[in-house]
Amino acid sequence: MVHPDLYRLDNMSDQGALHLNDTVVPQPHLLHLSAERLSRDGAFLMDCGIVFYLWVGKCCNEMFIRDVLGCPNYTSIPPNMSHIPELETPLSERLRAFLDWLQDNRAFSSTIHVVKEDAAAKATFFQHLVEDRSESASSYYEFLQHIQQQVTK
């Protein structure tokens, strides 16, 4: 996948959800790939094709952490967590339905990595935020503007 997709998961609702067979599949809003879209009180899924990253902010709701990750709080999330447990909570079921829906049209199974806000692995997550500008590179939006200017010359 050239351009990953980013979704906020901790505030998912059934509004706009797909109803497939007996399953409700939430459809969270697609966000811009920018660090300014992240918040410490949220949980965000980045779909990079062969891998999913679930970024969890330090102040993420403990109910989300408990009901989705099976951990009592943020500090108890293991540093190298690489699965979403199958818990019998409504939030867990909605999240797993969304992940299953994302994987349905793929010929392979994507892995998932849970990334805590203060973990060393966050650098891997942040490198995919292509709409952010860095000292050595333009943002994705600036790059597209540059291409457009070159084409219209």
C-alpha atoms as a PDB file:
ATOM      1  CA  MET A   1       0.000   0.000   0.000  1.00  0.00           C
ATOM      2  CA  VAL A   2       1.569   3.281  -1.116  1.00  0.00           C
ATOM      3  CA  HIS A   3      -0.565   5.546   1.037  1.00  0.00           C
ATOM      4  CA  PRO A   4      -1.683   4.122   4.394  1.00  0.00           C
ATOM      5  CA  ASP A   5      -5.115   4.804   5.874  1.00  0.00           C
ATOM      6  CA  LEU A   6      -5.587   6.229   9.375  1.00  0.00           C
ATOM      7  CA  TYR A   7      -8.694   5.826  11.537  1.00  0.00           C
ATOM      8  CA  ARG A   8      -9.615   6.845  15.085  1.00  0.00           C
ATOM      9  CA  LEU A   9     -10.996   3.790  16.875  1.00  0.00           C
ATOM     10  CA  ASP A  10     -11.700   4.753  20.483  1.00  0.00           C
ATOM     11  CA  ASN A  11     -14.844   6.702  19.557  1.00  0.00           C
ATOM     12  CA  MET A  12     -16.315   4.353  16.931  1.00  0.00           C
ATOM     13  CA  SER A  13     -20.066   4.353  16.621  1.00  0.00           C
ATOM     14  CA  ASP A  14     -22.568   2.398  14.572  1.00  0.00           C
ATOM     15  CA  GLN A  15     -23.550   5.535  12.652  1.00  0.00           C
ATOM     16  CA  GLY A  16     -22.856   4.864   8.972  1.00  0.00           C
ATOM     17  CA  ALA A  17     -21.950   1.242   9.720  1.00  0.00           C
ATOM     18  CA  LEU A  18     -22.277  -1.519   7.150  1.00  0.00           C
ATOM     19  CA  HIS A  19     -24.657  -4.359   7.927  1.00  0.00           C
ATOM     20  CA  LEU A  20     -23.190  -7.542   6.449  1.00  0.00           C
ATOM     21  CA  ASN A  21     -25.035 -10.762   7.225  1.00  0.00           C
ATOM     22  CA  ASP A  22     -25.516 -10.606  11.006  1.00  0.00           C
ATOM     23  CA  THR A  23     -22.510  -8.370  11.596  1.00  0.00           C
ATOM     24  CA  VAL A  24     -22.372  -4.611  12.093  1.00  0.00           C
ATOM     25  CA  VAL A  25     -19.136  -3.209  10.640  1.00  0.00           C
ATOM     26  CA  PRO A  26     -18.363   0.322  11.850  1.00  0.00           C
ATOM     27  CA  GLN A  27     -16.930   2.755   9.331  1.00  0.00           C
ATOM     28  CA  PRO A  28     -14.723   5.228  11.220  1.00  0.00           C
ATOM     29  CA  HIS A  29     -13.761   8.408   9.404  1.00  0.00           C
ATOM     30  CA  LEU A  30     -10.579   8.368   7.348  1.00  0.00           C
ATOM     31  CA  LEU A  31      -8.064  10.861   8.758  1.00  0.00           C
ATOM     32  CA  HIS A  32      -5.170  12.753   7.184  1.00  0.00           C
ATOM     33  CA  LEU A  33      -1.798  11.097   7.757  1.00  0.00           C
ATOM     34  CA  SER A  34      -0.507  13.801  10.074  1.00  0.00           C
ATOM     35  CA  ALA A  35       0.655  13.801  13.695  1.00  0.00           C
ATOM     36  CA  GLU A  36      -1.689  16.707  14.365  1.00  0.00           C
ATOM     37  CA  ARG A  37      -4.626  14.275  13.904  1.00  0.00           C
ATOM     38  CA  LEU A  38      -3.395  12.115  16.780  1.00  0.00           C
ATOM     39  CA  SER A  39      -4.371  12.877  20.351  1.00  0.00           C
ATOM     40  CA  ARG A  40      -3.081  11.493  23.625  1.00  0.00           C
ATOM     41  CA  ASP A  41      -6.595  10.499  24.665  1.00  0.00           C
ATOM     42  CA  GLY A  42      -7.244   8.354  21.598  1.00  0.00           C
ATOM     43  CA  ALA A  43      -6.459   5.102  19.812  1.00  0.00           C
ATOM     44  CA  PHE A  44      -5.725   5.139  16.084  1.00  0.00           C
ATOM     45  CA  LEU A  45      -5.420   2.386  13.498  1.00  0.00           C
ATOM     46  CA  MET A  46      -3.018   2.808  10.606  1.00  0.00           C
ATOM     47  CA  ASP A  47      -3.584   0.358   7.746  1.00  0.00           C
ATOM     48  CA  CYS A  48      -0.321  -0.023   5.809  1.00  0.00           C
ATOM     49  CA  GLY A  49      -1.486  -3.018   3.765  1.00  0.00           C
ATOM     50  CA  ILE A  50       0.697  -5.829   5.086  1.00  0.00           C
ATOM     51  CA  VAL A  51       0.684  -4.459   8.618  1.00  0.00           C
ATOM     52  CA  PHE A  52      -1.724  -2.643  10.940  1.00  0.00           C
ATOM     53  CA  TYR A  53      -0.458  -0.326  13.672  1.00  0.00           C
ATOM     54  CA  LEU A  54      -2.726   0.414  16.615  1.00  0.00           C
ATOM     55  CA  TRP A  55      -1.324   3.571  18.241  1.00  0.00           C
ATOM     56  CA  VAL A  56      -2.555   4.086  21.809  1.00  0.00           C
ATOM     57  CA  GLY A  57      -2.177   7.489  23.468  1.00  0.00           C
ATOM     58  CA  LYS A  58      -1.062   7.834  27.103  1.00  0.00           C
ATOM     59  CA  CYS A  59      -4.441   9.226  28.163  1.00  0.00           C
ATOM     60  CA  CYS A  60      -6.577   6.792  26.161  1.00  0.00           C
ATOM     61  CA  ASN A  61      -9.820   5.821  27.829  1.00  0.00           C
ATOM     62  CA  GLU A  62      -9.197   2.891  30.202  1.00  0.00           C
ATOM     63  CA  MET A  63     -12.474   1.297  29.119  1.00  0.00           C
ATOM     64  CA  PHE A  64     -11.145   1.083  25.525  1.00  0.00           C
ATOM     65  CA  ILE A  65      -7.849  -0.391  26.747  1.00  0.00           C
ATOM     66  CA  ARG A  66      -9.648  -2.931  28.946  1.00  0.00           C
ATOM     67  CA  ASP A  67     -12.420  -3.842  26.475  1.00  0.00           C
ATOM     68  CA  VAL A  68     -10.215  -4.074  23.365  1.00  0.00           C
ATOM     69  CA  LEU A  69      -6.722  -4.974  24.574  1.00  0.00           C
ATOM     70  CA  GLY A  70      -7.645  -6.860  27.738  1.00  0.00           C
ATOM     71  CA  CYS A  71      -5.299  -4.747  29.876  1.00  0.00           C
ATOM     72  CA  PRO A  72      -6.457  -2.818  32.954  1.00  0.00           C
ATOM     73  CA  ASN A  73      -4.695   0.430  31.974  1.00  0.00           C
ATOM     74  CA  TYR A  74      -2.166   2.059  29.649  1.00  0.00           C
ATOM     75  CA  THR A  75       0.930   1.121  31.661  1.00  0.00           C
ATOM     76  CA  SER A  76      -0.027  -2.564  31.623  1.00  0.00           C
ATOM     77  CA  ILE A  77      -0.067  -2.806  27.803  1.00  0.00           C
ATOM     78  CA  PRO A  78       2.882  -5.075  26.886  1.00  0.00           C
ATOM     79  CA  PRO A  79       5.606  -3.293  24.879  1.00  0.00           C
ATOM     80  CA  ASN A  80       5.581  -5.804  21.988  1.00  0.00           C
ATOM     81  CA  MET A  81       1.875  -6.634  21.799  1.00  0.00           C
ATOM     82  CA  SER A  82       1.133  -8.054  18.352  1.00  0.00           C
ATOM     83  CA  HIS A  83      -2.467  -9.248  18.531  1.00  0.00           C
ATOM     84  CA  ILE A  84      -5.928  -8.059  19.469  1.00  0.00           C
ATOM     85  CA  PRO A  85      -7.493 -10.541  21.899  1.00  0.00           C
ATOM     86  CA  GLU A  86     -10.964 -11.852  21.132  1.00  0.00           C
ATOM     87  CA  LEU A  87     -12.889 -10.425  24.055  1.00  0.00           C
ATOM     88  CA  GLU A  88     -16.638 -10.651  24.453  1.00  0.00           C
ATOM     89  CA  THR A  89     -17.246  -6.926  24.770  1.00  0.00           C
ATOM     90  CA  PRO A  90     -19.230  -4.802  22.308  1.00  0.00           C
ATOM     91  CA  LEU A  91     -16.221  -2.557  21.609  1.00  0.00           C
ATOM     92  CA  SER A  92     -13.928  -5.515  20.953  1.00  0.00           C
ATOM     93  CA  GLU A  93     -16.479  -7.101  18.633  1.00  0.00           C
ATOM     94  CA  ARG A  94     -16.915  -3.851  16.656  1.00  0.00           C
ATOM     95  CA  LEU A  95     -13.159  -3.378  16.319  1.00  0.00           C
ATOM     96  CA  ARG A  96     -12.585  -6.975  15.221  1.00  0.00           C
ATOM     97  CA  ALA A  97     -15.472  -6.687  12.716  1.00  0.00           C
ATOM     98  CA  PHE A  98     -13.799  -3.600  11.234  1.00  0.00           C
ATOM     99  CA  LEU A  99     -10.382  -5.313  11.068  1.00  0.00           C
ATOM    100  CA  ASP A 100     -11.940  -8.415   9.467  1.00  0.00           C
ATOM    101  CA  TRP A 101     -13.719  -6.206   6.913  1.00  0.00           C
ATOM    102  CA  LEU A 102     -10.415  -4.486   6.027  1.00  0.00           C
ATOM    103  CA  GLN A 103      -8.769  -7.886   5.528  1.00  0.00           C
ATOM    104  CA  ASP A 104     -11.590  -9.495   3.536  1.00  0.00           C
ATOM    105  CA  ASN A 105     -10.371  -8.298   0.134  1.00  0.00           C
ATOM    106  CA  ARG A 106      -6.730  -9.199   0.675  1.00  0.00           C
ATOM    107  CA  ALA A 107      -4.955 -12.322  -0.451  1.00  0.00           C
ATOM    108  CA  PHE A 108      -2.839 -12.267   2.710  1.00  0.00           C
ATOM    109  CA  SER A 109      -3.311 -11.758   6.410  1.00  0.00           C
ATOM    110  CA  SER A 110      -1.983  -8.489   7.808  1.00  0.00           C
ATOM    111  CA  THR A 111      -0.127  -8.476  11.109  1.00  0.00           C
ATOM    112  CA  ILE A 112      -0.956  -5.994  13.841  1.00  0.00           C
ATOM    113  CA  HIS A 113       1.367  -4.131  16.196  1.00  0.00           C
ATOM    114  CA  VAL A 114       0.118  -2.213  19.209  1.00  0.00           C
ATOM    115  CA  VAL A 115       2.250   0.909  19.608  1.00  0.00           C
ATOM    116  CA  LYS A 116       2.164   2.865  22.848  1.00  0.00           C
ATOM    117  CA  GLU A 117       2.682   6.620  22.620  1.00  0.00           C
ATOM    118  CA  ASP A 118       5.854   6.488  24.705  1.00  0.00           C
ATOM    119  CA  ALA A 119       7.357   3.328  23.141  1.00  0.00           C
ATOM    120  CA  ALA A 120      10.462   3.217  20.986  1.00  0.00           C
ATOM    121  CA  ALA A 121       8.384   1.591  18.215  1.00  0.00           C
ATOM    122  CA  LYS A 122       6.471   4.849  17.709  1.00  0.00           C
ATOM    123  CA  ALA A 123       9.168   5.948  15.230  1.00  0.00           C
ATOM    124  CA  THR A 124       8.016   3.191  12.851  1.00  0.00           C
ATOM    125  CA  PHE A 125       4.440   4.442  13.149  1.00  0.00           C
ATOM    126  CA  PHE A 126       5.379   8.099  12.664  1.00  0.00           C
ATOM    127  CA  GLN A 127       7.417   7.421   9.512  1.00  0.00           C
ATOM    128  CA  HIS A 128       4.131   6.592   7.760  1.00  0.00           C
ATOM    129  CA  LEU A 129       2.604   9.992   8.573  1.00  0.00           C
ATOM    130  CA  VAL A 130       3.484  11.241   5.102  1.00  0.00           C
ATOM    131  CA  GLU A 131       1.473  14.446   5.299  1.00  0.00           C
ATOM    132  CA  ASP A 132       3.836  15.844   7.925  1.00  0.00           C
ATOM    133  CA  ARG A 133       6.703  18.018   6.856  1.00  0.00           C
ATOM    134  CA  SER A 134      10.183  17.333   8.150  1.00  0.00           C
ATOM    135  CA  GLU A 135      13.420  19.264   7.860  1.00  0.00           C
ATOM    136  CA  SER A 136      14.618  17.036   5.049  1.00  0.00           C
ATOM    137  CA  ALA A 137      11.383  16.525   3.105  1.00  0.00           C
ATOM    138  CA  SER A 138       8.198  18.235   2.013  1.00  0.00           C
ATOM    139  CA  SER A 139       4.821  17.039   3.162  1.00  0.00           C
ATOM    140  CA  TYR A 140       2.773  14.862   0.837  1.00  0.00           C
ATOM    141  CA  TYR A 141       0.469  17.809   0.120  1.00  0.00           C
ATOM    142  CA  GLU A 142       3.435  20.068  -0.739  1.00  0.00           C
ATOM    143  CA  PHE A 143       4.834  17.358  -2.993  1.00  0.00           C
ATOM    144  CA  LEU A 144       1.529  17.099  -4.888  1.00  0.00           C
ATOM    145  CA  GLN A 145       1.430  20.888  -5.289  1.00  0.00           C
ATOM    146  CA  HIS A 146       4.965  20.819  -6.684  1.00  0.00           C
ATOM    147  CA  ILE A 147       4.022  18.106  -9.217  1.00  0.00           C
ATOM    148  CA  GLN A 148       0.942  20.075 -10.261  1.00  0.00           C
ATOM    149  CA  GLN A 149       3.044  23.198 -10.831  1.00  0.00           C
ATOM    150  CA  GLN A 150       5.527  21.230 -12.914  1.00  0.00           C
ATOM    151  CA  VAL A 151       2.786  19.729 -15.067  1.00  0.00           C
ATOM    152  CA  THR A 152       1.130  23.100 -15.767  1.00  0.00           C
ATOM    153  CA  LYS A 153       4.411  24.753 -16.955  1.00  0.00           C
END
